[in-house]
Amino acid sequence: SKSAAGALAASYSIGFLGGAPLGGWMAARAVRGTVIAGLVLFGAAALAFGLAGGVLLLDAIRTLQGIAGGIIWGGGLVWLVASTPRARRGAALGKVFAASTAGTLMGPLLGTLALAASGGAVFGGVGGGALLLGLYVGRLPAPPSVAPLARVPLTFALRRPPLLVGAGLFVLVACTLGTLGVLVPLRLAAGGSSGLGVGATFVAAAALAAMTAPLAGAIVDRRGPLVPVRAGLIVMSASVLCLGFAHAPLIVAILTVLCVAGGAGACLGPCVAYVTATAERMS
């Protein structure tokens, strides 16, 4: 049902809300260990997800995946900021979010494969990949120093309007992408699209977002983060407005691709650059 699908999607975000601050706190003490711990936890949870049955159990495992994802992002972003000069940080963040968008939005394709083959095999492959990546990270040298913003307390951010604006932009984009992930497949299915059509829509969205994210990052390094953020918000807002009235599968698919490219592709990386630069100036 729509409510069950929404609860499953929300459970990851609920776990992420706890995992991200935990990852930041851990990264201030051991960046590489934080990322490895998150990858191991995520890999185990992905394998369990492929083998589990029952809605409540899936929700619980998905929450655990969210905690692991938050730890990975908390440690990974601190690692990136500590290792990248500010003049090249936008481009680096663009590449990171391009990879993230491509991976996240290919989820429906993995779901299609799980239905056609075996859920345990597909999710086991995802979990195994996370564990192998953890082994690879263990061989990398740790960053020379931890970024000062990793030690900035949460109360500091809550008292600074510029940081709240950056956090608000994240919430806006995340809510939009989360809504698309739940409702667009249902809208496409109601219009007669097959599982292959749903997967193709999100793969196309991921591909375009993966191309726009590095471009937005390059613009950040030259002109600052607000230029791509404004452009992305315009595209995303217009697409969402039109999606409210669209029912033809082709139109829904096109608008979804544009919305994801404008939100995830153009906004997320520049938002991180804006928040980190603001925190560094204020700390």
Protein backbone atom coordinates (compact mmCIF):
# COMPACT_ATOMS: atom_id res chain seq x y z
CA SER A 1 0.00 0.00 0.00
CA LYS A 2 1.01 3.65 -0.28
CA SER A 3 1.26 3.97 3.49
CA ALA A 4 3.49 0.88 3.78
CA ALA A 5 5.74 2.13 0.96
CA GLY A 6 5.93 5.55 2.59
CA ALA A 7 6.80 4.06 5.97
CA LEU A 8 9.55 1.95 4.39
CA ALA A 9 11.02 4.99 2.64
CA ALA A 10 10.76 7.11 5.79
CA SER A 11 12.46 4.51 7.98
CA TYR A 12 15.78 5.06 6.21
CA SER A 13 15.57 8.81 6.77
CA ILE A 14 14.67 8.29 10.44
CA GLY A 15 17.80 6.18 10.89
CA PHE A 16 19.87 8.69 8.93
CA LEU A 17 18.81 11.50 11.29
CA GLY A 18 20.51 9.65 14.12
CA GLY A 19 23.39 8.21 12.13
CA ALA A 20 24.64 11.46 10.57
CA PRO A 21 25.36 13.32 13.85
CA LEU A 22 26.85 10.11 15.23
CA GLY A 23 29.08 9.85 12.16
CA GLY A 24 30.21 13.46 12.57
CA TRP A 25 30.99 12.89 16.24
CA MET A 26 32.93 9.71 15.45
CA ALA A 27 34.77 11.35 12.54
CA ALA A 28 36.11 14.08 14.82
CA ARG A 29 38.05 11.28 16.54
CA ALA A 30 38.78 8.70 13.81
CA VAL A 31 37.71 9.54 10.26
CA ARG A 32 38.77 6.36 8.50
CA GLY A 33 37.43 4.10 11.26
CA THR A 34 34.10 5.89 11.08
CA VAL A 35 33.69 5.22 7.37
CA ILE A 36 34.72 1.56 7.75
CA ALA A 37 32.27 1.03 10.62
CA GLY A 38 29.45 2.53 8.57
CA LEU A 39 30.24 0.37 5.55
CA VAL A 40 30.36 -2.84 7.60
CA LEU A 41 27.03 -2.04 9.27
CA PHE A 42 25.44 -1.13 5.95
CA GLY A 43 26.72 -4.30 4.28
CA ALA A 44 25.30 -6.51 7.03
CA ALA A 45 21.97 -4.68 6.95
CA ALA A 46 21.71 -4.96 3.15
CA LEU A 47 22.22 -8.72 3.31
CA ALA A 48 19.62 -9.03 6.08
CA PHE A 49 17.16 -6.94 4.04
CA GLY A 50 17.36 -9.36 1.14
CA LEU A 51 16.60 -12.33 3.39
CA ALA A 52 13.96 -10.79 5.67
CA GLY A 53 10.20 -11.06 5.39
CA GLY A 54 7.43 -9.03 6.94
CA VAL A 55 6.81 -5.30 6.78
CA LEU A 56 7.87 -4.44 10.34
CA LEU A 57 11.14 -6.37 10.05
CA LEU A 58 11.93 -4.67 6.74
CA ASP A 59 11.21 -1.27 8.32
CA ALA A 60 13.56 -2.07 11.22
CA ILE A 61 16.37 -3.20 8.92
CA ARG A 62 15.86 -0.17 6.71
CA THR A 63 16.21 2.05 9.77
CA LEU A 64 19.49 0.32 10.55
CA GLN A 65 20.59 0.98 6.97
CA GLY A 66 19.79 4.66 7.52
CA ILE A 67 21.95 4.76 10.63
CA ALA A 68 24.80 3.16 8.68
CA GLY A 69 24.31 5.57 5.78
CA GLY A 70 24.44 8.53 8.16
CA ILE A 71 27.68 7.28 9.68
CA ILE A 72 29.21 6.85 6.21
CA TRP A 73 28.19 10.35 5.12
CA GLY A 74 29.26 11.93 8.41
CA GLY A 75 32.72 10.42 8.17
CA GLY A 76 33.04 10.67 4.40
CA LEU A 77 32.20 14.37 4.12
CA VAL A 78 34.61 15.25 6.95
CA TRP A 79 37.28 13.21 5.16
CA LEU A 80 36.58 15.01 1.87
CA VAL A 81 36.59 18.50 3.38
CA ALA A 82 39.78 17.80 5.33
CA SER A 83 41.59 16.51 2.23
CA THR A 84 40.43 19.03 -0.41
CA PRO A 85 41.51 22.68 -0.74
CA ARG A 86 38.59 25.09 -0.63
CA ALA A 87 39.26 26.27 -4.20
CA ARG A 88 38.57 22.75 -5.53
CA ARG A 89 36.00 21.64 -2.99
CA GLY A 90 32.97 22.37 -5.17
CA ALA A 91 34.19 20.12 -7.97
CA ALA A 92 35.03 17.35 -5.50
CA LEU A 93 31.60 17.55 -3.87
CA GLY A 94 29.98 17.52 -7.31
CA LYS A 95 31.65 14.21 -8.13
CA VAL A 96 30.65 12.74 -4.77
CA PHE A 97 27.00 13.68 -5.18
CA ALA A 98 27.01 12.52 -8.79
CA ALA A 99 28.05 9.07 -7.60
CA SER A 100 25.58 9.19 -4.73
CA THR A 101 22.68 10.20 -6.96
CA ALA A 102 23.50 7.51 -9.50
CA GLY A 103 23.65 4.86 -6.80
CA THR A 104 20.55 5.94 -4.92
CA LEU A 105 18.28 6.35 -7.92
CA MET A 106 19.31 3.01 -9.41
CA GLY A 107 17.50 1.39 -6.48
CA PRO A 108 14.34 0.75 -8.53
CA LEU A 109 16.48 -1.05 -11.11
CA LEU A 110 17.92 -3.29 -8.38
CA GLY A 111 14.39 -3.91 -7.18
CA THR A 112 13.43 -5.01 -10.67
CA LEU A 113 16.39 -7.39 -10.74
CA ALA A 114 15.43 -8.73 -7.31
CA LEU A 115 11.92 -9.52 -8.54
CA ALA A 116 13.22 -11.18 -11.68
CA ALA A 117 16.00 -13.15 -10.00
CA SER A 118 16.48 -13.47 -6.24
CA GLY A 119 16.13 -10.79 -3.58
CA GLY A 120 18.73 -12.51 -1.40
CA ALA A 121 21.26 -12.62 -4.24
CA VAL A 122 20.77 -8.99 -5.30
CA PHE A 123 20.86 -7.50 -1.81
CA GLY A 124 23.64 -9.88 -0.85
CA GLY A 125 25.66 -8.48 -3.74
CA VAL A 126 25.04 -4.94 -2.49
CA GLY A 127 26.09 -5.93 1.03
CA GLY A 128 29.16 -7.74 -0.21
CA GLY A 129 30.14 -4.69 -2.25
CA ALA A 130 29.91 -2.52 0.87
CA LEU A 131 32.13 -4.90 2.82
CA LEU A 132 34.72 -4.99 0.01
CA LEU A 133 34.67 -1.19 -0.09
CA GLY A 134 35.30 -1.17 3.66
CA LEU A 135 38.41 -3.32 3.12
CA TYR A 136 39.59 -0.90 0.43
CA VAL A 137 39.06 2.13 2.67
CA GLY A 138 41.15 0.42 5.34
CA ARG A 139 44.13 0.51 2.96
CA LEU A 140 43.82 4.25 2.29
CA PRO A 141 45.88 6.78 4.27
CA ALA A 142 43.88 8.75 6.79
CA PRO A 143 43.47 12.51 6.09
CA PRO A 144 46.27 14.69 7.45
CA SER A 145 43.91 16.60 9.77
CA VAL A 146 40.28 16.64 10.73
CA ALA A 147 38.37 19.66 9.48
CA PRO A 148 37.56 22.14 12.26
CA LEU A 149 33.90 22.07 11.33
CA ALA A 150 33.71 18.45 12.50
CA ARG A 151 34.15 19.72 16.05
CA VAL A 152 31.54 22.46 15.79
CA PRO A 153 28.68 21.61 18.22
CA LEU A 154 25.13 21.32 16.97
CA THR A 155 24.02 24.20 19.22
CA PHE A 156 26.46 26.45 17.31
CA ALA A 157 24.72 25.67 14.02
CA LEU A 158 21.25 26.19 15.49
CA ARG A 159 22.18 29.74 16.46
CA ARG A 160 23.49 30.72 13.00
CA PRO A 161 20.81 31.63 10.38
CA PRO A 162 23.10 30.93 7.38
CA LEU A 163 23.65 27.36 8.57
CA LEU A 164 19.93 26.94 9.19
CA VAL A 165 19.26 28.10 5.62
CA GLY A 166 21.66 25.46 4.30
CA ALA A 167 20.01 22.78 6.44
CA GLY A 168 16.59 23.91 5.23
CA LEU A 169 17.66 23.52 1.62
CA PHE A 170 18.76 19.96 2.37
CA VAL A 171 15.39 19.21 3.94
CA LEU A 172 13.55 20.65 0.94
CA VAL A 173 15.51 18.64 -1.61
CA ALA A 174 15.40 15.46 0.47
CA CYS A 175 11.63 15.69 0.97
CA THR A 176 11.16 16.20 -2.75
CA LEU A 177 13.34 13.23 -3.73
CA GLY A 178 11.75 11.03 -1.08
CA THR A 179 8.28 11.89 -2.35
CA LEU A 180 9.31 11.13 -5.92
CA GLY A 181 10.74 7.78 -4.89
CA VAL A 182 7.42 6.70 -3.37
CA LEU A 183 4.76 8.28 -5.58
CA VAL A 184 6.30 8.31 -9.07
CA PRO A 185 6.48 4.49 -9.39
CA LEU A 186 2.84 4.31 -8.26
CA ARG A 187 1.81 7.02 -10.74
CA LEU A 188 3.69 5.31 -13.57
CA ALA A 189 2.17 1.92 -12.70
CA ALA A 190 -1.32 3.45 -12.63
CA GLY A 191 -0.68 4.82 -16.11
CA GLY A 192 0.21 1.37 -17.45
CA SER A 193 4.02 1.43 -17.19
CA SER A 194 5.81 -1.83 -16.50
CA GLY A 195 8.49 -2.39 -13.88
CA LEU A 196 11.03 -1.92 -16.66
CA GLY A 197 9.58 1.50 -17.45
CA VAL A 198 9.77 2.57 -13.81
CA GLY A 199 13.38 1.43 -13.59
CA ALA A 200 14.27 3.17 -16.85
CA THR A 201 12.82 6.45 -15.56
CA PHE A 202 14.98 6.45 -12.46
CA VAL A 203 18.08 5.29 -14.34
CA ALA A 204 17.63 8.21 -16.75
CA ALA A 205 17.15 10.58 -13.80
CA ALA A 206 20.29 9.26 -12.17
CA ALA A 207 22.28 9.62 -15.38
CA LEU A 208 21.28 13.25 -15.89
CA ALA A 209 21.83 14.14 -12.23
CA ALA A 210 25.24 12.48 -12.38
CA MET A 211 26.12 14.82 -15.25
CA THR A 212 24.72 18.01 -13.72
CA ALA A 213 26.29 17.50 -10.28
CA PRO A 214 29.94 17.90 -11.42
CA LEU A 215 28.91 20.86 -13.55
CA ALA A 216 27.26 22.49 -10.54
CA GLY A 217 30.39 21.80 -8.50
CA ALA A 218 32.58 23.51 -11.06
CA ILE A 219 30.29 26.55 -10.99
CA VAL A 220 30.62 26.64 -7.19
CA ASP A 221 34.40 26.96 -7.48
CA ARG A 222 34.08 29.82 -9.97
CA ARG A 223 30.98 31.76 -8.91
CA GLY A 224 29.96 30.46 -5.50
CA PRO A 225 27.28 27.99 -4.36
CA LEU A 226 24.17 30.17 -4.65
CA VAL A 227 24.15 30.33 -8.46
CA PRO A 228 23.61 26.59 -9.07
CA VAL A 229 21.31 26.32 -6.03
CA ARG A 230 18.97 28.99 -7.40
CA ALA A 231 18.91 27.41 -10.86
CA GLY A 232 18.30 23.96 -9.40
CA LEU A 233 15.46 25.16 -7.18
CA ILE A 234 13.72 26.80 -10.16
CA VAL A 235 13.89 23.60 -12.22
CA MET A 236 12.88 21.40 -9.29
CA SER A 237 9.94 23.60 -8.24
CA ALA A 238 8.57 23.91 -11.75
CA SER A 239 8.84 20.14 -12.28
CA VAL A 240 7.07 19.33 -9.01
CA LEU A 241 4.26 21.75 -9.84
CA CYS A 242 3.74 20.14 -13.23
CA LEU A 243 3.91 16.62 -11.76
CA GLY A 244 0.88 17.40 -9.68
CA PHE A 245 -1.21 17.58 -12.84
CA ALA A 246 0.57 15.04 -15.07
CA HIS A 247 -0.77 11.52 -15.59
CA ALA A 248 0.61 10.36 -18.94
CA PRO A 249 3.56 8.03 -18.17
CA LEU A 250 5.93 9.71 -20.65
CA ILE A 251 5.24 13.20 -19.22
CA VAL A 252 5.62 11.91 -15.65
CA ALA A 253 8.93 10.29 -16.55
CA ILE A 254 10.30 13.44 -18.22
CA LEU A 255 9.29 15.67 -15.31
CA THR A 256 10.82 13.21 -12.82
CA VAL A 257 14.13 13.28 -14.68
CA LEU A 258 14.15 17.09 -14.70
CA CYS A 259 13.19 17.31 -11.03
CA VAL A 260 15.92 14.93 -9.92
CA ALA A 261 18.52 16.69 -12.07
CA GLY A 262 17.54 20.06 -10.63
CA GLY A 263 17.33 18.87 -7.03
CA ALA A 264 19.92 16.18 -6.49
CA GLY A 265 22.15 17.17 -9.39
CA ALA A 266 22.27 20.94 -9.03
CA CYS A 267 21.50 21.58 -5.36
CA LEU A 268 22.97 19.00 -2.99
CA GLY A 269 26.69 19.48 -3.68
CA PRO A 270 26.50 23.31 -3.65
CA CYS A 271 24.48 23.13 -0.42
CA VAL A 272 27.27 21.16 1.25
CA ALA A 273 29.84 23.65 -0.05
CA TYR A 274 27.75 26.53 1.30
CA VAL A 275 27.33 24.95 4.75
CA THR A 276 30.99 23.94 5.13
CA ALA A 277 32.30 27.31 3.98
CA THR A 278 29.92 29.14 6.33
CA ALA A 279 30.87 26.90 9.26
CA GLU A 280 34.59 27.41 8.61
CA ARG A 281 34.16 31.20 8.54
CA MET A 282 32.20 31.19 11.79
CA SER A 283 34.28 28.65 13.72
